Amino acid sequence: AAERMSTDVGNVRLVAAHAWDVSGALAVGCSAAFIGRPGMIASPLGPTADIVGGDLTQVVDQIIDQDAA
């Protein structure tokens, strides 16, 4: 995605409800947001997303707040 958009991978943020997707994005240098839907937990191993919310609305609000700062 970063290559296709002609940007650095550090400018890409993955939003997911699966810990393995978040771990993969972080491993290649992306930012990540984790949606803690029922039954989903962030990985207790390795780096974690800098944004965590219980639903997409909470995550989007945090991303907007972070980008505005």
C-alpha atoms as a PDB file:
ATOM      1  CA  ALA A   1       0.000   0.000   0.000  1.00  0.00           C
ATOM      2  CA  ALA A   2       2.800   2.421   0.873  1.00  0.00           C
ATOM      3  CA  GLU A   3       4.574   1.778  -2.405  1.00  0.00           C
ATOM      4  CA  ARG A   4       1.377   2.167  -4.395  1.00  0.00           C
ATOM      5  CA  MET A   5       0.684   5.513  -2.694  1.00  0.00           C
ATOM      6  CA  SER A   6       4.327   6.619  -3.112  1.00  0.00           C
ATOM      7  CA  THR A   7       4.801   7.138   0.616  1.00  0.00           C
ATOM      8  CA  ASP A   8       6.966   5.740   3.372  1.00  0.00           C
ATOM      9  CA  VAL A   9       5.645   2.689   5.208  1.00  0.00           C
ATOM     10  CA  GLY A  10       5.828   4.735   8.413  1.00  0.00           C
ATOM     11  CA  ASN A  11       2.955   6.851   7.066  1.00  0.00           C
ATOM     12  CA  VAL A  12       0.631   3.834   6.887  1.00  0.00           C
ATOM     13  CA  ARG A  13      -1.636   2.742   9.752  1.00  0.00           C
ATOM     14  CA  LEU A  14      -3.322  -0.655   9.829  1.00  0.00           C
ATOM     15  CA  VAL A  15      -6.638  -0.873  11.677  1.00  0.00           C
ATOM     16  CA  ALA A  16      -7.547  -4.434  12.649  1.00  0.00           C
ATOM     17  CA  ALA A  17      -9.284  -6.623  15.207  1.00  0.00           C
ATOM     18  CA  HIS A  18      -6.715  -9.430  14.987  1.00  0.00           C
ATOM     19  CA  ALA A  19      -3.512  -9.289  16.996  1.00  0.00           C
ATOM     20  CA  TRP A  20      -1.482 -11.098  14.308  1.00  0.00           C
ATOM     21  CA  ASP A  21      -2.367  -8.427  11.729  1.00  0.00           C
ATOM     22  CA  VAL A  22      -1.291  -5.686  14.146  1.00  0.00           C
ATOM     23  CA  SER A  23       1.962  -7.538  14.890  1.00  0.00           C
ATOM     24  CA  GLY A  24       2.708  -7.912  11.185  1.00  0.00           C
ATOM     25  CA  ALA A  25       2.078  -4.236  10.449  1.00  0.00           C
ATOM     26  CA  LEU A  26       4.274  -3.141  13.333  1.00  0.00           C
ATOM     27  CA  ALA A  27       7.026  -5.546  12.267  1.00  0.00           C
ATOM     28  CA  VAL A  28       7.339  -3.864   8.863  1.00  0.00           C
ATOM     29  CA  GLY A  29       7.243  -0.320  10.264  1.00  0.00           C
ATOM     30  CA  CYS A  30       3.589   0.672   9.980  1.00  0.00           C
ATOM     31  CA  SER A  31       1.553   2.190  12.775  1.00  0.00           C
ATOM     32  CA  ALA A  32      -1.373   0.154  14.014  1.00  0.00           C
ATOM     33  CA  ALA A  33      -4.709   0.487  15.748  1.00  0.00           C
ATOM     34  CA  PHE A  34      -6.411  -2.428  17.455  1.00  0.00           C
ATOM     35  CA  ILE A  35     -10.182  -2.831  17.682  1.00  0.00           C
ATOM     36  CA  GLY A  36     -10.908  -4.942  20.761  1.00  0.00           C
ATOM     37  CA  ARG A  37     -14.111  -6.542  19.533  1.00  0.00           C
ATOM     38  CA  PRO A  38     -15.697  -9.185  21.789  1.00  0.00           C
ATOM     39  CA  GLY A  39     -13.388 -12.180  22.003  1.00  0.00           C
ATOM     40  CA  MET A  40     -10.399 -10.330  20.541  1.00  0.00           C
ATOM     41  CA  ILE A  41      -7.381  -9.441  22.644  1.00  0.00           C
ATOM     42  CA  ALA A  42      -4.191  -7.594  21.833  1.00  0.00           C
ATOM     43  CA  SER A  43      -1.123  -9.798  21.711  1.00  0.00           C
ATOM     44  CA  PRO A  44       0.647 -10.074  25.049  1.00  0.00           C
ATOM     45  CA  LEU A  45       3.908 -10.625  23.134  1.00  0.00           C
ATOM     46  CA  GLY A  46       5.912  -7.982  21.336  1.00  0.00           C
ATOM     47  CA  PRO A  47       4.946  -4.446  20.413  1.00  0.00           C
ATOM     48  CA  THR A  48       1.352  -3.286  20.669  1.00  0.00           C
ATOM     49  CA  ALA A  49      -0.767  -0.797  18.753  1.00  0.00           C
ATOM     50  CA  ASP A  50      -0.553   2.804  19.926  1.00  0.00           C
ATOM     51  CA  ILE A  51      -4.311   3.153  19.492  1.00  0.00           C
ATOM     52  CA  VAL A  52      -6.766   0.715  21.054  1.00  0.00           C
ATOM     53  CA  GLY A  53     -10.550   0.985  21.171  1.00  0.00           C
ATOM     54  CA  GLY A  54     -13.580  -1.191  21.704  1.00  0.00           C
ATOM     55  CA  ASP A  55     -15.095  -0.358  18.326  1.00  0.00           C
ATOM     56  CA  LEU A  56     -14.270   1.406  15.089  1.00  0.00           C
ATOM     57  CA  THR A  57     -15.757   4.717  16.217  1.00  0.00           C
ATOM     58  CA  GLN A  58     -13.486   4.828  19.274  1.00  0.00           C
ATOM     59  CA  VAL A  59     -10.446   4.009  17.152  1.00  0.00           C
ATOM     60  CA  VAL A  60     -11.274   6.619  14.500  1.00  0.00           C
ATOM     61  CA  ASP A  61     -11.781   9.293  17.171  1.00  0.00           C
ATOM     62  CA  GLN A  62      -8.344   8.507  18.621  1.00  0.00           C
ATOM     63  CA  ILE A  63      -6.687   8.606  15.183  1.00  0.00           C
ATOM     64  CA  ILE A  64      -8.253  11.997  14.453  1.00  0.00           C
ATOM     65  CA  ASP A  65      -7.150  13.323  17.851  1.00  0.00           C
ATOM     66  CA  GLN A  66      -3.614  12.009  17.363  1.00  0.00           C
ATOM     67  CA  ASP A  67      -3.315  13.449  13.853  1.00  0.00           C
ATOM     68  CA  ALA A  68      -4.602  16.832  15.037  1.00  0.00           C
ATOM     69  CA  ALA A  69      -1.968  17.062  17.794  1.00  0.00           C
END
